[in-house]
């Protein structure tokens, strides 16, 4: 989930959409995902859908 301020939160759908990582920038979040070998999934959710 991206915020208008530029910060990002990563939610784990396998764990009830619990926040598993927060960062100040999208690039930091993307790097964290790539380093932990997560794979993208199709589709998007809004915060209200979580």
C-alpha atoms as a PDB file:
ATOM      1  CA  UNK A   1       0.000   0.000   0.000  1.00  0.00           C
ATOM      2  CA  UNK A   2       1.432   3.344  -1.010  1.00  0.00           C
ATOM      3  CA  UNK A   3       0.709   6.543   0.886  1.00  0.00           C
ATOM      4  CA  UNK A   4       0.458  10.025  -0.654  1.00  0.00           C
ATOM      5  CA  UNK A   5       3.554  10.937   1.407  1.00  0.00           C
ATOM      6  CA  UNK A   6       5.549   8.302  -0.510  1.00  0.00           C
ATOM      7  CA  UNK A   7       5.800   5.783   2.318  1.00  0.00           C
ATOM      8  CA  UNK A   8       4.809   2.166   1.722  1.00  0.00           C
ATOM      9  CA  UNK A   9       3.507  -0.760   3.754  1.00  0.00           C
ATOM     10  CA  UNK A  10       3.649  -4.383   2.686  1.00  0.00           C
ATOM     11  CA  UNK A  11       0.824  -6.636   3.863  1.00  0.00           C
ATOM     12  CA  UNK A  12       0.955 -10.438   3.922  1.00  0.00           C
ATOM     13  CA  UNK A  13      -2.302 -11.938   2.601  1.00  0.00           C
ATOM     14  CA  UNK A  14      -1.329 -15.341   4.014  1.00  0.00           C
ATOM     15  CA  UNK A  15      -1.235 -13.818   7.505  1.00  0.00           C
ATOM     16  CA  UNK A  16      -4.525 -11.919   7.552  1.00  0.00           C
ATOM     17  CA  UNK A  17      -3.030  -8.940   5.690  1.00  0.00           C
ATOM     18  CA  UNK A  18      -0.797  -8.110   8.658  1.00  0.00           C
ATOM     19  CA  UNK A  19       1.823  -5.428   7.911  1.00  0.00           C
ATOM     20  CA  UNK A  20       5.152  -7.225   7.494  1.00  0.00           C
ATOM     21  CA  UNK A  21       7.287  -4.281   6.336  1.00  0.00           C
ATOM     22  CA  UNK A  22       7.084  -0.473   6.286  1.00  0.00           C
ATOM     23  CA  UNK A  23       9.398   1.921   4.502  1.00  0.00           C
ATOM     24  CA  UNK A  24       9.767   5.610   3.758  1.00  0.00           C
ATOM     25  CA  UNK A  25       9.946   5.049  -0.009  1.00  0.00           C
ATOM     26  CA  UNK A  26       8.628   2.736  -2.700  1.00  0.00           C
ATOM     27  CA  UNK A  27      12.195   1.869  -3.723  1.00  0.00           C
ATOM     28  CA  UNK A  28      13.020   0.601  -0.218  1.00  0.00           C
ATOM     29  CA  UNK A  29       9.882  -1.554  -0.236  1.00  0.00           C
ATOM     30  CA  UNK A  30      10.668  -2.932  -3.684  1.00  0.00           C
ATOM     31  CA  UNK A  31      14.241  -3.776  -2.645  1.00  0.00           C
ATOM     32  CA  UNK A  32      12.970  -5.557   0.473  1.00  0.00           C
ATOM     33  CA  UNK A  33      10.587  -7.632  -1.628  1.00  0.00           C
ATOM     34  CA  UNK A  34      13.277  -8.555  -4.140  1.00  0.00           C
ATOM     35  CA  UNK A  35      15.814  -9.470  -1.451  1.00  0.00           C
ATOM     36  CA  UNK A  36      13.302 -11.729   0.284  1.00  0.00           C
ATOM     37  CA  UNK A  37      12.412 -13.336  -3.052  1.00  0.00           C
ATOM     38  CA  UNK A  38       8.726 -12.484  -2.972  1.00  0.00           C
ATOM     39  CA  UNK A  39       6.871 -12.833  -6.247  1.00  0.00           C
ATOM     40  CA  UNK A  40       4.265 -10.381  -7.536  1.00  0.00           C
ATOM     41  CA  UNK A  41       0.625 -11.453  -7.796  1.00  0.00           C
ATOM     42  CA  UNK A  42      -1.979 -10.302 -10.280  1.00  0.00           C
ATOM     43  CA  UNK A  43      -4.491  -7.675  -9.161  1.00  0.00           C
ATOM     44  CA  UNK A  44      -4.607  -4.831  -6.685  1.00  0.00           C
ATOM     45  CA  UNK A  45      -6.437  -4.118  -3.447  1.00  0.00           C
ATOM     46  CA  UNK A  46      -7.320  -0.848  -1.853  1.00  0.00           C
ATOM     47  CA  UNK A  47      -6.767  -0.286   1.861  1.00  0.00           C
ATOM     48  CA  UNK A  48     -10.528  -0.505   2.475  1.00  0.00           C
ATOM     49  CA  UNK A  49     -10.572  -4.000   0.920  1.00  0.00           C
ATOM     50  CA  UNK A  50      -7.952  -5.296   3.361  1.00  0.00           C
END
